[in-house]
């Protein structure tokens, strides 16, 4: 009879113990509120990587967030306000966070106006020559655009197509390995083409963007000015 009662009661005791243990583990989870910034930042964990930037309830500035939030799908350009379950790990692996983060609720998702640099503006447009060595170029056939993936430029230097490579370092811009096709042109276009390719070919400049013009300088002197074109 005694053995029968033990066999009958033991599974219920085990389930009760497991439930109590499970509840105690869940109770260790703390719900925190996180604001997630709309862009990632460079950071270094085991190796260089990118991290989310977050603010906690009492944060005064953005902090790098080295962990992942289970169940949360980050999308650049949006700022999020999240409720997150934070659970402390018992055995923390090497180079791992002391906490496990799990999404509880997305409180807010807001599209943000992201800031772009002058260079971002430059590479999105095709540029038409409007001034060279102080002389205005009306209805100029000269234009070019940037291929940032391959670090190449290509365009038209008059009646011929031209192409080459470029390097950018801060506000410095260097053109190299320039070449062009060899079509026959009018004397007027030949002259324009020669002047332009001499001015830009294998040359180093500083640049700026002002009033939607791309300006190239040498020794603080404006050499070439380009305007955006469709």
C-alpha atoms as a PDB file:
ATOM      1  CA  UNK A   1       0.000   0.000   0.000  1.00  0.00           C
ATOM      2  CA  UNK A   2       2.824   2.351   0.902  1.00  0.00           C
ATOM      3  CA  UNK A   3       4.640   1.642  -2.376  1.00  0.00           C
ATOM      4  CA  UNK A   4       1.403   2.199  -4.275  1.00  0.00           C
ATOM      5  CA  UNK A   5       0.944   5.640  -2.691  1.00  0.00           C
ATOM      6  CA  UNK A   6       4.536   6.594  -3.483  1.00  0.00           C
ATOM      7  CA  UNK A   7       4.093   5.573  -7.118  1.00  0.00           C
ATOM      8  CA  UNK A   8       0.828   7.501  -7.259  1.00  0.00           C
ATOM      9  CA  UNK A   9       2.072  10.684  -5.625  1.00  0.00           C
ATOM     10  CA  UNK A  10       5.658  10.844  -7.017  1.00  0.00           C
ATOM     11  CA  UNK A  11       4.751  12.029 -10.550  1.00  0.00           C
ATOM     12  CA  UNK A  12       2.559  14.795  -9.100  1.00  0.00           C
ATOM     13  CA  UNK A  13       5.364  15.891  -6.771  1.00  0.00           C
ATOM     14  CA  UNK A  14       7.797  15.934  -9.685  1.00  0.00           C
ATOM     15  CA  UNK A  15       5.457  18.041 -11.794  1.00  0.00           C
ATOM     16  CA  UNK A  16       4.890  20.415  -8.888  1.00  0.00           C
ATOM     17  CA  UNK A  17       8.629  20.752  -8.335  1.00  0.00           C
ATOM     18  CA  UNK A  18       9.242  21.341 -12.050  1.00  0.00           C
ATOM     19  CA  UNK A  19       6.518  23.982 -12.123  1.00  0.00           C
ATOM     20  CA  UNK A  20       7.947  25.763  -9.085  1.00  0.00           C
ATOM     21  CA  UNK A  21      11.440  25.606 -10.613  1.00  0.00           C
ATOM     22  CA  UNK A  22      10.134  26.933 -13.932  1.00  0.00           C
ATOM     23  CA  UNK A  23       8.312  29.789 -12.231  1.00  0.00           C
ATOM     24  CA  UNK A  24      11.412  30.676 -10.246  1.00  0.00           C
ATOM     25  CA  UNK A  25      13.428  30.811 -13.484  1.00  0.00           C
ATOM     26  CA  UNK A  26      10.834  33.018 -15.183  1.00  0.00           C
ATOM     27  CA  UNK A  27      10.736  35.286 -12.169  1.00  0.00           C
ATOM     28  CA  UNK A  28      14.381  36.109 -12.758  1.00  0.00           C
ATOM     29  CA  UNK A  29      13.444  37.817 -16.038  1.00  0.00           C
ATOM     30  CA  UNK A  30      13.209  41.602 -15.741  1.00  0.00           C
ATOM     31  CA  UNK A  31      11.187  43.661 -18.188  1.00  0.00           C
ATOM     32  CA  UNK A  32      13.225  46.660 -19.375  1.00  0.00           C
ATOM     33  CA  UNK A  33      12.446  49.468 -21.791  1.00  0.00           C
ATOM     34  CA  UNK A  34      14.921  50.061 -24.620  1.00  0.00           C
ATOM     35  CA  UNK A  35      15.073  52.765 -27.281  1.00  0.00           C
ATOM     36  CA  UNK A  36      16.937  51.509 -30.365  1.00  0.00           C
ATOM     37  CA  UNK A  37      18.564  54.064 -32.695  1.00  0.00           C
ATOM     38  CA  UNK A  38      17.872  54.121 -36.427  1.00  0.00           C
ATOM     39  CA  UNK A  39      21.449  53.331 -37.467  1.00  0.00           C
ATOM     40  CA  UNK A  40      24.141  50.863 -36.458  1.00  0.00           C
ATOM     41  CA  UNK A  41      27.626  51.750 -35.223  1.00  0.00           C
ATOM     42  CA  UNK A  42      31.018  50.103 -35.571  1.00  0.00           C
ATOM     43  CA  UNK A  43      32.053  48.122 -32.510  1.00  0.00           C
ATOM     44  CA  UNK A  44      34.523  45.414 -31.566  1.00  0.00           C
ATOM     45  CA  UNK A  45      33.596  42.123 -29.941  1.00  0.00           C
ATOM     46  CA  UNK A  46      35.592  39.026 -30.750  1.00  0.00           C
ATOM     47  CA  UNK A  47      36.180  40.786 -34.088  1.00  0.00           C
ATOM     48  CA  UNK A  48      35.154  44.129 -35.642  1.00  0.00           C
ATOM     49  CA  UNK A  49      31.392  44.219 -36.255  1.00  0.00           C
ATOM     50  CA  UNK A  50      28.377  46.522 -36.115  1.00  0.00           C
ATOM     51  CA  UNK A  51      26.148  46.978 -33.070  1.00  0.00           C
ATOM     52  CA  UNK A  52      22.775  48.488 -32.322  1.00  0.00           C
ATOM     53  CA  UNK A  53      22.796  51.738 -30.342  1.00  0.00           C
ATOM     54  CA  UNK A  54      20.368  51.870 -27.420  1.00  0.00           C
ATOM     55  CA  UNK A  55      19.202  54.023 -24.551  1.00  0.00           C
ATOM     56  CA  UNK A  56      17.977  52.569 -21.268  1.00  0.00           C
ATOM     57  CA  UNK A  57      15.497  54.292 -18.986  1.00  0.00           C
ATOM     58  CA  UNK A  58      18.131  56.538 -17.392  1.00  0.00           C
ATOM     59  CA  UNK A  59      20.576  56.809 -20.308  1.00  0.00           C
ATOM     60  CA  UNK A  60      21.799  60.282 -21.249  1.00  0.00           C
ATOM     61  CA  UNK A  61      23.524  59.195 -24.448  1.00  0.00           C
ATOM     62  CA  UNK A  62      23.482  56.267 -26.876  1.00  0.00           C
ATOM     63  CA  UNK A  63      25.237  53.090 -25.758  1.00  0.00           C
ATOM     64  CA  UNK A  64      26.557  50.237 -27.881  1.00  0.00           C
ATOM     65  CA  UNK A  65      24.471  47.061 -27.526  1.00  0.00           C
ATOM     66  CA  UNK A  66      26.633  43.984 -28.074  1.00  0.00           C
ATOM     67  CA  UNK A  67      23.873  41.360 -27.672  1.00  0.00           C
ATOM     68  CA  UNK A  68      20.976  40.201 -29.814  1.00  0.00           C
ATOM     69  CA  UNK A  69      17.291  40.552 -28.929  1.00  0.00           C
ATOM     70  CA  UNK A  70      15.513  37.283 -29.622  1.00  0.00           C
ATOM     71  CA  UNK A  71      12.387  37.801 -31.712  1.00  0.00           C
ATOM     72  CA  UNK A  72      13.327  41.351 -32.755  1.00  0.00           C
ATOM     73  CA  UNK A  73      13.931  42.170 -36.430  1.00  0.00           C
ATOM     74  CA  UNK A  74      15.909  45.392 -36.748  1.00  0.00           C
ATOM     75  CA  UNK A  75      15.339  47.608 -39.793  1.00  0.00           C
ATOM     76  CA  UNK A  76      17.732  50.502 -40.458  1.00  0.00           C
ATOM     77  CA  UNK A  77      16.142  53.948 -40.686  1.00  0.00           C
ATOM     78  CA  UNK A  78      13.595  53.285 -37.925  1.00  0.00           C
ATOM     79  CA  UNK A  79      13.800  54.194 -34.251  1.00  0.00           C
ATOM     80  CA  UNK A  80      12.189  51.663 -31.907  1.00  0.00           C
ATOM     81  CA  UNK A  81      10.881  51.698 -28.370  1.00  0.00           C
ATOM     82  CA  UNK A  82      10.836  48.125 -27.036  1.00  0.00           C
ATOM     83  CA  UNK A  83       9.813  46.211 -23.947  1.00  0.00           C
ATOM     84  CA  UNK A  84      12.355  43.428 -23.500  1.00  0.00           C
ATOM     85  CA  UNK A  85      12.628  40.496 -21.102  1.00  0.00           C
ATOM     86  CA  UNK A  86      16.160  40.432 -19.683  1.00  0.00           C
ATOM     87  CA  UNK A  87      17.205  37.157 -18.064  1.00  0.00           C
ATOM     88  CA  UNK A  88      20.538  36.655 -16.307  1.00  0.00           C
ATOM     89  CA  UNK A  89      22.527  33.661 -17.506  1.00  0.00           C
ATOM     90  CA  UNK A  90      23.642  31.097 -14.929  1.00  0.00           C
ATOM     91  CA  UNK A  91      26.740  29.995 -16.809  1.00  0.00           C
ATOM     92  CA  UNK A  92      28.044  32.788 -18.999  1.00  0.00           C
ATOM     93  CA  UNK A  93      30.038  31.570 -22.037  1.00  0.00           C
ATOM     94  CA  UNK A  94      33.314  33.319 -22.854  1.00  0.00           C
ATOM     95  CA  UNK A  95      32.833  36.593 -24.752  1.00  0.00           C
ATOM     96  CA  UNK A  96      29.057  36.410 -24.271  1.00  0.00           C
ATOM     97  CA  UNK A  97      26.618  38.775 -22.592  1.00  0.00           C
ATOM     98  CA  UNK A  98      25.650  38.096 -18.997  1.00  0.00           C
ATOM     99  CA  UNK A  99      22.006  38.426 -20.063  1.00  0.00           C
ATOM    100  CA  UNK A 100      19.611  36.922 -22.571  1.00  0.00           C
ATOM    101  CA  UNK A 101      17.262  39.447 -24.181  1.00  0.00           C
ATOM    102  CA  UNK A 102      13.884  38.481 -25.615  1.00  0.00           C
ATOM    103  CA  UNK A 103      11.396  40.827 -27.248  1.00  0.00           C
ATOM    104  CA  UNK A 104       8.192  41.285 -25.272  1.00  0.00           C
ATOM    105  CA  UNK A 105       6.562  44.115 -27.233  1.00  0.00           C
ATOM    106  CA  UNK A 106       7.321  46.753 -29.880  1.00  0.00           C
ATOM    107  CA  UNK A 107       5.884  49.880 -28.265  1.00  0.00           C
ATOM    108  CA  UNK A 108       6.788  52.246 -31.106  1.00  0.00           C
ATOM    109  CA  UNK A 109       8.417  52.121 -34.560  1.00  0.00           C
ATOM    110  CA  UNK A 110       9.142  55.501 -36.147  1.00  0.00           C
ATOM    111  CA  UNK A 111      10.683  56.293 -39.548  1.00  0.00           C
ATOM    112  CA  UNK A 112      13.558  58.735 -39.045  1.00  0.00           C
ATOM    113  CA  UNK A 113      15.079  61.270 -41.390  1.00  0.00           C
ATOM    114  CA  UNK A 114      18.634  60.001 -41.794  1.00  0.00           C
ATOM    115  CA  UNK A 115      21.468  62.454 -42.316  1.00  0.00           C
ATOM    116  CA  UNK A 116      23.582  62.097 -45.448  1.00  0.00           C
ATOM    117  CA  UNK A 117      27.112  63.302 -46.032  1.00  0.00           C
ATOM    118  CA  UNK A 118      28.177  65.467 -48.992  1.00  0.00           C
ATOM    119  CA  UNK A 119      29.804  62.393 -50.522  1.00  0.00           C
ATOM    120  CA  UNK A 120      26.514  60.472 -50.323  1.00  0.00           C
ATOM    121  CA  UNK A 121      24.971  63.288 -52.358  1.00  0.00           C
ATOM    122  CA  UNK A 122      27.826  63.258 -54.880  1.00  0.00           C
ATOM    123  CA  UNK A 123      27.635  59.546 -55.714  1.00  0.00           C
ATOM    124  CA  UNK A 124      23.851  59.628 -56.250  1.00  0.00           C
ATOM    125  CA  UNK A 125      24.046  62.066 -59.163  1.00  0.00           C
ATOM    126  CA  UNK A 126      25.431  62.489 -62.658  1.00  0.00           C
ATOM    127  CA  UNK A 127      27.626  65.588 -62.930  1.00  0.00           C
ATOM    128  CA  UNK A 128      27.727  67.989 -65.892  1.00  0.00           C
ATOM    129  CA  UNK A 129      30.599  70.419 -66.461  1.00  0.00           C
ATOM    130  CA  UNK A 130      29.504  74.036 -65.948  1.00  0.00           C
ATOM    131  CA  UNK A 131      32.850  75.799 -65.401  1.00  0.00           C
ATOM    132  CA  UNK A 132      36.488  75.014 -66.201  1.00  0.00           C
ATOM    133  CA  UNK A 133      39.488  77.151 -65.216  1.00  0.00           C
ATOM    134  CA  UNK A 134      37.226  80.111 -64.528  1.00  0.00           C
ATOM    135  CA  UNK A 135      35.382  79.905 -67.868  1.00  0.00           C
ATOM    136  CA  UNK A 136      31.655  79.080 -67.852  1.00  0.00           C
ATOM    137  CA  UNK A 137      30.635  76.116 -70.009  1.00  0.00           C
ATOM    138  CA  UNK A 138      27.126  76.634 -71.350  1.00  0.00           C
ATOM    139  CA  UNK A 139      25.338  73.548 -72.709  1.00  0.00           C
ATOM    140  CA  UNK A 140      28.465  71.488 -72.164  1.00  0.00           C
ATOM    141  CA  UNK A 141      28.373  67.861 -73.437  1.00  0.00           C
ATOM    142  CA  UNK A 142      30.857  66.853 -70.703  1.00  0.00           C
ATOM    143  CA  UNK A 143      29.507  64.780 -67.803  1.00  0.00           C
ATOM    144  CA  UNK A 144      30.431  61.830 -65.592  1.00  0.00           C
ATOM    145  CA  UNK A 145      29.219  59.723 -62.654  1.00  0.00           C
ATOM    146  CA  UNK A 146      30.797  57.612 -59.926  1.00  0.00           C
ATOM    147  CA  UNK A 147      30.694  53.833 -59.496  1.00  0.00           C
ATOM    148  CA  UNK A 148      31.554  53.447 -55.804  1.00  0.00           C
ATOM    149  CA  UNK A 149      31.418  49.633 -55.881  1.00  0.00           C
ATOM    150  CA  UNK A 150      34.303  49.388 -58.324  1.00  0.00           C
ATOM    151  CA  UNK A 151      35.806  52.817 -57.549  1.00  0.00           C
ATOM    152  CA  UNK A 152      35.451  53.876 -61.160  1.00  0.00           C
ATOM    153  CA  UNK A 153      34.200  56.954 -62.982  1.00  0.00           C
ATOM    154  CA  UNK A 154      32.790  57.095 -66.498  1.00  0.00           C
ATOM    155  CA  UNK A 155      31.198  59.716 -68.704  1.00  0.00           C
ATOM    156  CA  UNK A 156      31.606  61.826 -71.800  1.00  0.00           C
ATOM    157  CA  UNK A 157      34.529  64.181 -72.363  1.00  0.00           C
ATOM    158  CA  UNK A 158      33.149  65.837 -75.516  1.00  0.00           C
ATOM    159  CA  UNK A 159      32.216  63.441 -78.260  1.00  0.00           C
ATOM    160  CA  UNK A 160      34.291  60.590 -76.776  1.00  0.00           C
ATOM    161  CA  UNK A 161      33.546  58.477 -73.734  1.00  0.00           C
ATOM    162  CA  UNK A 162      36.106  58.594 -70.942  1.00  0.00           C
ATOM    163  CA  UNK A 163      36.721  56.359 -67.923  1.00  0.00           C
ATOM    164  CA  UNK A 164      39.118  55.775 -65.076  1.00  0.00           C
ATOM    165  CA  UNK A 165      39.547  55.047 -61.400  1.00  0.00           C
ATOM    166  CA  UNK A 166      39.322  57.259 -58.344  1.00  0.00           C
ATOM    167  CA  UNK A 167      40.345  57.318 -54.700  1.00  0.00           C
ATOM    168  CA  UNK A 168      38.739  59.411 -51.975  1.00  0.00           C
ATOM    169  CA  UNK A 169      40.229  60.266 -48.598  1.00  0.00           C
ATOM    170  CA  UNK A 170      38.151  62.718 -46.569  1.00  0.00           C
ATOM    171  CA  UNK A 171      37.632  65.719 -48.841  1.00  0.00           C
ATOM    172  CA  UNK A 172      40.479  64.695 -51.172  1.00  0.00           C
ATOM    173  CA  UNK A 173      39.691  63.122 -54.527  1.00  0.00           C
ATOM    174  CA  UNK A 174      42.270  61.619 -56.908  1.00  0.00           C
ATOM    175  CA  UNK A 175      41.580  60.441 -60.456  1.00  0.00           C
ATOM    176  CA  UNK A 176      43.886  57.834 -61.985  1.00  0.00           C
ATOM    177  CA  UNK A 177      44.380  55.533 -64.975  1.00  0.00           C
ATOM    178  CA  UNK A 178      42.231  57.732 -67.175  1.00  0.00           C
ATOM    179  CA  UNK A 179      41.422  56.739 -70.742  1.00  0.00           C
ATOM    180  CA  UNK A 180      38.946  57.458 -73.521  1.00  0.00           C
ATOM    181  CA  UNK A 181      37.603  56.207 -76.818  1.00  0.00           C
ATOM    182  CA  UNK A 182      39.117  57.586 -80.038  1.00  0.00           C
ATOM    183  CA  UNK A 183      36.207  58.807 -82.143  1.00  0.00           C
ATOM    184  CA  UNK A 184      36.761  61.633 -84.637  1.00  0.00           C
ATOM    185  CA  UNK A 185      35.365  64.947 -83.354  1.00  0.00           C
ATOM    186  CA  UNK A 186      34.933  68.512 -84.545  1.00  0.00           C
ATOM    187  CA  UNK A 187      37.718  70.981 -83.831  1.00  0.00           C
ATOM    188  CA  UNK A 188      35.566  72.657 -81.174  1.00  0.00           C
ATOM    189  CA  UNK A 189      34.858  69.403 -79.359  1.00  0.00           C
ATOM    190  CA  UNK A 190      38.469  68.293 -79.747  1.00  0.00           C
ATOM    191  CA  UNK A 191      39.615  71.461 -77.992  1.00  0.00           C
ATOM    192  CA  UNK A 192      37.063  71.092 -75.172  1.00  0.00           C
ATOM    193  CA  UNK A 193      37.896  67.433 -74.722  1.00  0.00           C
ATOM    194  CA  UNK A 194      41.647  68.052 -74.571  1.00  0.00           C
ATOM    195  CA  UNK A 195      41.217  70.828 -71.994  1.00  0.00           C
ATOM    196  CA  UNK A 196      38.915  68.748 -69.825  1.00  0.00           C
ATOM    197  CA  UNK A 197      40.972  65.535 -69.899  1.00  0.00           C
ATOM    198  CA  UNK A 198      44.128  67.534 -69.160  1.00  0.00           C
ATOM    199  CA  UNK A 199      42.426  69.245 -66.223  1.00  0.00           C
ATOM    200  CA  UNK A 200      40.993  66.091 -64.631  1.00  0.00           C
ATOM    201  CA  UNK A 201      43.227  63.275 -65.854  1.00  0.00           C
ATOM    202  CA  UNK A 202      45.437  61.666 -63.189  1.00  0.00           C
ATOM    203  CA  UNK A 203      45.025  64.707 -60.958  1.00  0.00           C
ATOM    204  CA  UNK A 204      44.384  65.173 -57.225  1.00  0.00           C
ATOM    205  CA  UNK A 205      41.837  67.662 -55.911  1.00  0.00           C
ATOM    206  CA  UNK A 206      40.048  68.761 -52.801  1.00  0.00           C
ATOM    207  CA  UNK A 207      36.304  68.922 -53.256  1.00  0.00           C
ATOM    208  CA  UNK A 208      33.177  70.363 -51.719  1.00  0.00           C
ATOM    209  CA  UNK A 209      29.480  70.508 -52.495  1.00  0.00           C
ATOM    210  CA  UNK A 210      27.736  73.882 -52.418  1.00  0.00           C
ATOM    211  CA  UNK A 211      24.311  74.840 -53.820  1.00  0.00           C
ATOM    212  CA  UNK A 212      24.162  71.418 -55.493  1.00  0.00           C
ATOM    213  CA  UNK A 213      27.416  71.936 -57.374  1.00  0.00           C
ATOM    214  CA  UNK A 214      30.467  69.688 -57.140  1.00  0.00           C
ATOM    215  CA  UNK A 215      33.597  71.848 -56.966  1.00  0.00           C
ATOM    216  CA  UNK A 216      37.158  70.590 -57.505  1.00  0.00           C
ATOM    217  CA  UNK A 217      40.098  72.662 -56.226  1.00  0.00           C
ATOM    218  CA  UNK A 218      43.891  72.619 -56.583  1.00  0.00           C
ATOM    219  CA  UNK A 219      45.980  74.856 -54.311  1.00  0.00           C
ATOM    220  CA  UNK A 220      42.739  76.487 -53.105  1.00  0.00           C
ATOM    221  CA  UNK A 221      41.889  77.503 -56.675  1.00  0.00           C
ATOM    222  CA  UNK A 222      38.614  76.358 -58.256  1.00  0.00           C
ATOM    223  CA  UNK A 223      39.519  74.287 -61.333  1.00  0.00           C
ATOM    224  CA  UNK A 224      36.316  72.448 -62.260  1.00  0.00           C
ATOM    225  CA  UNK A 225      32.686  72.968 -61.340  1.00  0.00           C
ATOM    226  CA  UNK A 226      29.889  70.519 -62.095  1.00  0.00           C
ATOM    227  CA  UNK A 227      26.115  70.708 -61.700  1.00  0.00           C
ATOM    228  CA  UNK A 228      23.657  67.865 -61.204  1.00  0.00           C
ATOM    229  CA  UNK A 229      21.876  66.522 -64.270  1.00  0.00           C
ATOM    230  CA  UNK A 230      19.136  63.929 -64.746  1.00  0.00           C
END
